[in-house]
Amino acid sequence: MRRFPWIGSGVRDPANAAMAAVTVFALCSGVWLLRDGVATQGPPQPSAAQARAGLDGRAGERPAVPALPPSPPDRIRIPAIRVNAPLTGLGLTRTGSLDVPPAADENLAGWYESGTTPGEPGTAIVAGHVDNADGPAVFFDLGALARGSTIEVDRRDGGVAVFTVDAVEVYDAKDFPDEKVYGPARRPELRVITCGGGYSRGTGYQGNVVVFAHLTGSR
């Protein structure tokens, strides 16, 4: 079991400032990949074609559509990879790590409820397991998502925030770009994060898959 970085130094959204220097237990060791001593194919990883240069400048981009008022999210849907999962609020543990959804529930994701809510200006954070001890979990196929795909977030106010994927990237834990992932944004943006990258039997996954998206509609 390993940790992966969430927020590093530098300028961040005010709502995410409490996550400075925070790490979270990923709980995605990939134990099931070697069940019965037989190697099993791991989760898909994003190709270079799904990356996008220049994301560090996103804070200056104009909103594609008007931002929504704050409202907690209840569910996330990603039709292209057949995700339809409830969202649970995630806080910080006593040790300063971001908590994670219960690993036993493979179809559950979480959002950082002390930060930006999906649809309002800033960077909202959603995280979920890639797997658990029994097999694939909610974001197992996240690395297969393509630019231009749609992410829908049901909000507690009865509305739906619709995001379009700008890029899907994978990073080694030691090179995780905190500012790029968690930095400030003037328009409503969303990050969806799970484990990914290389796999080691001793330490689990060596990095993270990150989806970058921005608000393009609502209903």
Protein backbone atom coordinates (compact mmCIF):
# COMPACT_ATOMS: atom_id res chain seq x y z
CA MET A 1 0.00 0.00 0.00
CA ARG A 2 1.50 3.34 -0.91
CA ARG A 3 0.69 7.02 -0.77
CA PHE A 4 0.25 9.34 -3.72
CA PRO A 5 0.54 13.17 -3.74
CA TRP A 6 -2.46 15.44 -3.77
CA ILE A 7 -1.48 19.05 -3.21
CA GLY A 8 1.98 20.53 -3.31
CA SER A 9 3.34 24.01 -2.81
CA GLY A 10 2.32 27.11 -4.71
CA VAL A 11 -0.93 28.91 -5.51
CA ARG A 12 -4.11 26.86 -5.22
CA ASP A 13 -7.83 27.34 -5.16
CA PRO A 14 -8.73 28.80 -1.75
CA ALA A 15 -11.17 25.93 -1.14
CA ASN A 16 -8.37 23.43 -1.67
CA ALA A 17 -5.79 25.25 0.45
CA ALA A 18 -6.37 22.96 3.43
CA MET A 19 -5.00 20.09 1.36
CA ALA A 20 -1.48 21.57 1.19
CA ALA A 21 1.16 18.86 1.49
CA VAL A 22 -1.55 16.23 1.94
CA THR A 23 -1.26 12.63 0.83
CA VAL A 24 -3.85 9.89 0.68
CA PHE A 25 -3.66 6.13 1.02
CA ALA A 26 -4.51 4.91 -2.46
CA LEU A 27 -5.78 1.46 -1.40
CA CYS A 28 -5.19 0.07 -4.87
CA SER A 29 -2.45 -2.48 -4.40
CA GLY A 30 -3.48 -4.69 -7.31
CA VAL A 31 -3.44 -7.83 -5.16
CA TRP A 32 -6.06 -9.47 -7.37
CA LEU A 33 -3.76 -9.14 -10.42
CA LEU A 34 -1.73 -12.07 -9.16
CA ARG A 35 -4.50 -14.19 -7.71
CA ASP A 36 -3.71 -17.91 -7.74
CA GLY A 37 -0.26 -17.10 -9.07
CA VAL A 38 -1.62 -16.28 -12.53
CA ALA A 39 -0.98 -12.81 -13.92
CA THR A 40 -4.13 -10.89 -14.86
CA GLN A 41 -4.27 -7.95 -17.23
CA GLY A 42 -4.20 -4.64 -15.39
CA PRO A 43 -6.23 -1.49 -16.02
CA PRO A 44 -5.85 0.39 -19.33
CA GLN A 45 -3.39 3.29 -19.37
CA PRO A 46 -3.88 6.53 -21.33
CA SER A 47 -1.93 6.93 -24.55
CA ALA A 48 0.19 9.96 -25.39
CA ALA A 49 -2.54 11.02 -27.82
CA GLN A 50 -4.87 11.76 -24.90
CA ALA A 51 -2.46 14.19 -23.25
CA ARG A 52 -2.64 17.89 -23.92
CA ALA A 53 0.16 20.41 -23.72
CA GLY A 54 -0.36 23.72 -22.02
CA LEU A 55 -2.69 22.67 -19.22
CA ASP A 56 -0.61 24.72 -16.80
CA GLY A 57 -2.15 27.82 -18.37
CA ARG A 58 -5.72 26.77 -17.82
CA ALA A 59 -6.28 29.37 -15.05
CA GLY A 60 -6.51 32.06 -17.73
CA GLU A 61 -9.05 30.24 -19.88
CA ARG A 62 -12.51 31.71 -20.12
CA PRO A 63 -15.51 29.69 -18.95
CA ALA A 64 -17.22 27.74 -21.73
CA VAL A 65 -20.58 28.20 -20.00
CA PRO A 66 -21.74 30.09 -16.89
CA ALA A 67 -20.61 28.58 -13.62
CA LEU A 68 -23.12 26.97 -11.29
CA PRO A 69 -23.73 27.88 -7.65
CA PRO A 70 -22.17 25.61 -5.02
CA SER A 71 -24.01 22.33 -4.50
CA PRO A 72 -22.66 19.00 -3.23
CA PRO A 73 -22.55 16.20 -5.82
CA ASP A 74 -24.40 12.92 -5.40
CA ARG A 75 -23.41 10.81 -8.44
CA ILE A 76 -20.89 10.67 -11.28
CA ARG A 77 -21.56 9.16 -14.71
CA ILE A 78 -18.99 8.58 -17.45
CA PRO A 79 -20.90 6.86 -20.26
CA ALA A 80 -17.87 6.05 -22.43
CA ILE A 81 -16.45 3.73 -19.75
CA ARG A 82 -19.77 2.66 -18.22
CA VAL A 83 -19.31 4.46 -14.90
CA ASN A 84 -22.47 5.24 -12.95
CA ALA A 85 -21.55 5.58 -9.31
CA PRO A 86 -22.71 7.37 -6.18
CA LEU A 87 -20.35 9.90 -4.59
CA THR A 88 -19.45 10.06 -0.93
CA GLY A 89 -17.83 13.02 0.77
CA LEU A 90 -14.16 12.69 1.65
CA GLY A 91 -12.46 14.58 4.44
CA LEU A 92 -9.04 14.48 6.02
CA THR A 93 -7.92 11.82 8.46
CA ARG A 94 -6.31 12.61 11.81
CA THR A 95 -2.91 12.15 10.18
CA GLY A 96 -3.65 14.74 7.51
CA SER A 97 -4.33 12.32 4.67
CA LEU A 98 -7.36 12.56 2.43
CA ASP A 99 -9.75 9.79 3.31
CA VAL A 100 -10.89 7.37 0.61
CA PRO A 101 -14.15 5.58 -0.23
CA PRO A 102 -14.59 2.18 1.45
CA ALA A 103 -12.55 -0.28 -0.58
CA ALA A 104 -15.14 -3.04 -0.22
CA ASP A 105 -17.66 -1.08 -2.31
CA GLU A 106 -16.26 -1.36 -5.82
CA ASN A 107 -18.84 1.02 -7.32
CA LEU A 108 -18.30 4.05 -5.12
CA ALA A 109 -16.28 7.22 -5.72
CA GLY A 110 -15.59 10.18 -3.46
CA TRP A 111 -15.16 13.94 -3.70
CA TYR A 112 -13.20 16.32 -1.49
CA GLU A 113 -16.11 17.97 0.31
CA SER A 114 -14.07 20.79 1.87
CA GLY A 115 -13.03 21.94 -1.60
CA THR A 116 -14.76 23.15 -4.74
CA THR A 117 -18.08 21.51 -5.64
CA PRO A 118 -18.34 20.30 -9.25
CA GLY A 119 -19.75 23.08 -11.42
CA GLU A 120 -18.69 26.12 -9.43
CA PRO A 121 -15.53 28.08 -10.35
CA GLY A 122 -12.35 26.31 -9.34
CA THR A 123 -10.99 22.79 -9.38
CA ALA A 124 -13.22 20.04 -8.01
CA ILE A 125 -11.59 16.74 -7.01
CA VAL A 126 -13.12 13.27 -7.45
CA ALA A 127 -11.20 10.11 -6.57
CA GLY A 128 -11.95 6.43 -6.67
CA HIS A 129 -10.35 3.02 -6.52
CA VAL A 130 -9.01 1.34 -9.63
CA ASP A 131 -9.42 -2.03 -7.95
CA ASN A 132 -9.79 -3.81 -4.66
CA ALA A 133 -8.84 -7.25 -3.39
CA ASP A 134 -11.64 -8.84 -5.42
CA GLY A 135 -10.94 -7.24 -8.79
CA PRO A 136 -11.71 -4.09 -10.80
CA ALA A 137 -13.38 -1.14 -9.07
CA VAL A 138 -15.22 2.01 -10.15
CA PHE A 139 -12.39 3.71 -12.08
CA PHE A 140 -10.70 0.62 -13.51
CA ASP A 141 -11.23 1.85 -17.08
CA LEU A 142 -10.44 5.52 -16.43
CA GLY A 143 -7.21 5.28 -18.43
CA ALA A 144 -9.22 4.31 -21.52
CA LEU A 145 -11.18 7.56 -21.51
CA ALA A 146 -10.61 9.80 -24.54
CA ARG A 147 -10.51 13.54 -24.98
CA GLY A 148 -13.94 14.92 -25.79
CA SER A 149 -15.74 12.36 -23.64
CA THR A 150 -18.53 13.52 -21.33
CA ILE A 151 -18.65 13.36 -17.55
CA GLU A 152 -21.94 14.09 -15.81
CA VAL A 153 -22.25 14.95 -12.13
CA ASP A 154 -25.65 14.89 -10.42
CA ARG A 155 -25.89 17.67 -7.87
CA ARG A 156 -27.92 17.84 -4.69
CA ASP A 157 -29.78 20.92 -5.97
CA GLY A 158 -31.37 18.69 -8.64
CA GLY A 159 -29.17 19.86 -11.49
CA VAL A 160 -26.59 18.02 -13.57
CA ALA A 161 -23.16 19.50 -14.32
CA VAL A 162 -21.80 18.33 -17.67
CA PHE A 163 -18.04 18.30 -18.21
CA THR A 164 -15.98 17.64 -21.33
CA VAL A 165 -12.64 15.83 -21.02
CA ASP A 166 -9.64 17.92 -22.07
CA ALA A 167 -6.93 15.35 -21.40
CA VAL A 168 -6.18 12.02 -19.74
CA GLU A 169 -2.66 11.59 -18.40
CA VAL A 170 -0.67 9.21 -16.24
CA TYR A 171 2.12 10.25 -13.87
CA ASP A 172 4.71 8.44 -11.79
CA ALA A 173 4.19 9.17 -8.11
CA LYS A 174 7.61 10.80 -7.82
CA ASP A 175 6.79 13.19 -10.68
CA PHE A 176 3.18 14.00 -9.81
CA PRO A 177 2.51 17.61 -10.99
CA ASP A 178 0.66 19.03 -8.00
CA GLU A 179 0.17 22.51 -9.43
CA LYS A 180 -1.03 21.23 -12.80
CA VAL A 181 -3.61 18.97 -11.19
CA TYR A 182 -4.73 21.08 -8.23
CA GLY A 183 -3.82 24.64 -9.24
CA PRO A 184 -6.30 27.53 -9.51
CA ALA A 185 -8.89 27.74 -12.25
CA ARG A 186 -11.20 30.64 -13.11
CA ARG A 187 -13.69 28.40 -14.83
CA PRO A 188 -15.32 25.28 -13.33
CA GLU A 189 -12.95 22.34 -13.76
CA LEU A 190 -12.94 18.74 -12.64
CA ARG A 191 -10.18 16.26 -11.90
CA VAL A 192 -10.95 12.55 -11.68
CA ILE A 193 -8.09 10.54 -10.18
CA THR A 194 -7.25 6.90 -9.63
CA CYS A 195 -4.17 4.70 -9.45
CA GLY A 196 -2.24 3.70 -12.54
CA GLY A 197 1.15 3.56 -14.17
CA GLY A 198 3.58 0.73 -13.64
CA TYR A 199 2.79 -2.05 -11.20
CA SER A 200 5.06 -3.62 -8.62
CA ARG A 201 4.05 -6.65 -6.59
CA GLY A 202 5.77 -5.15 -3.57
CA THR A 203 4.35 -1.62 -3.66
CA GLY A 204 1.31 -1.74 -5.95
CA TYR A 205 0.72 0.84 -8.66
CA GLN A 206 3.52 3.32 -9.19
CA GLY A 207 1.50 6.37 -10.25
CA ASN A 208 -1.86 7.91 -10.99
CA VAL A 209 -4.22 8.41 -13.90
CA VAL A 210 -5.70 11.93 -13.96
CA VAL A 211 -8.60 13.14 -16.09
CA PHE A 212 -8.77 16.89 -16.78
CA ALA A 213 -12.21 18.25 -17.67
CA HIS A 214 -14.12 21.55 -17.70
CA LEU A 215 -17.79 22.49 -17.46
CA THR A 216 -19.50 22.69 -20.86
CA GLY A 217 -23.17 22.44 -19.96
CA SER A 218 -25.82 21.85 -17.33
CA ARG A 219 -29.41 20.80 -17.10
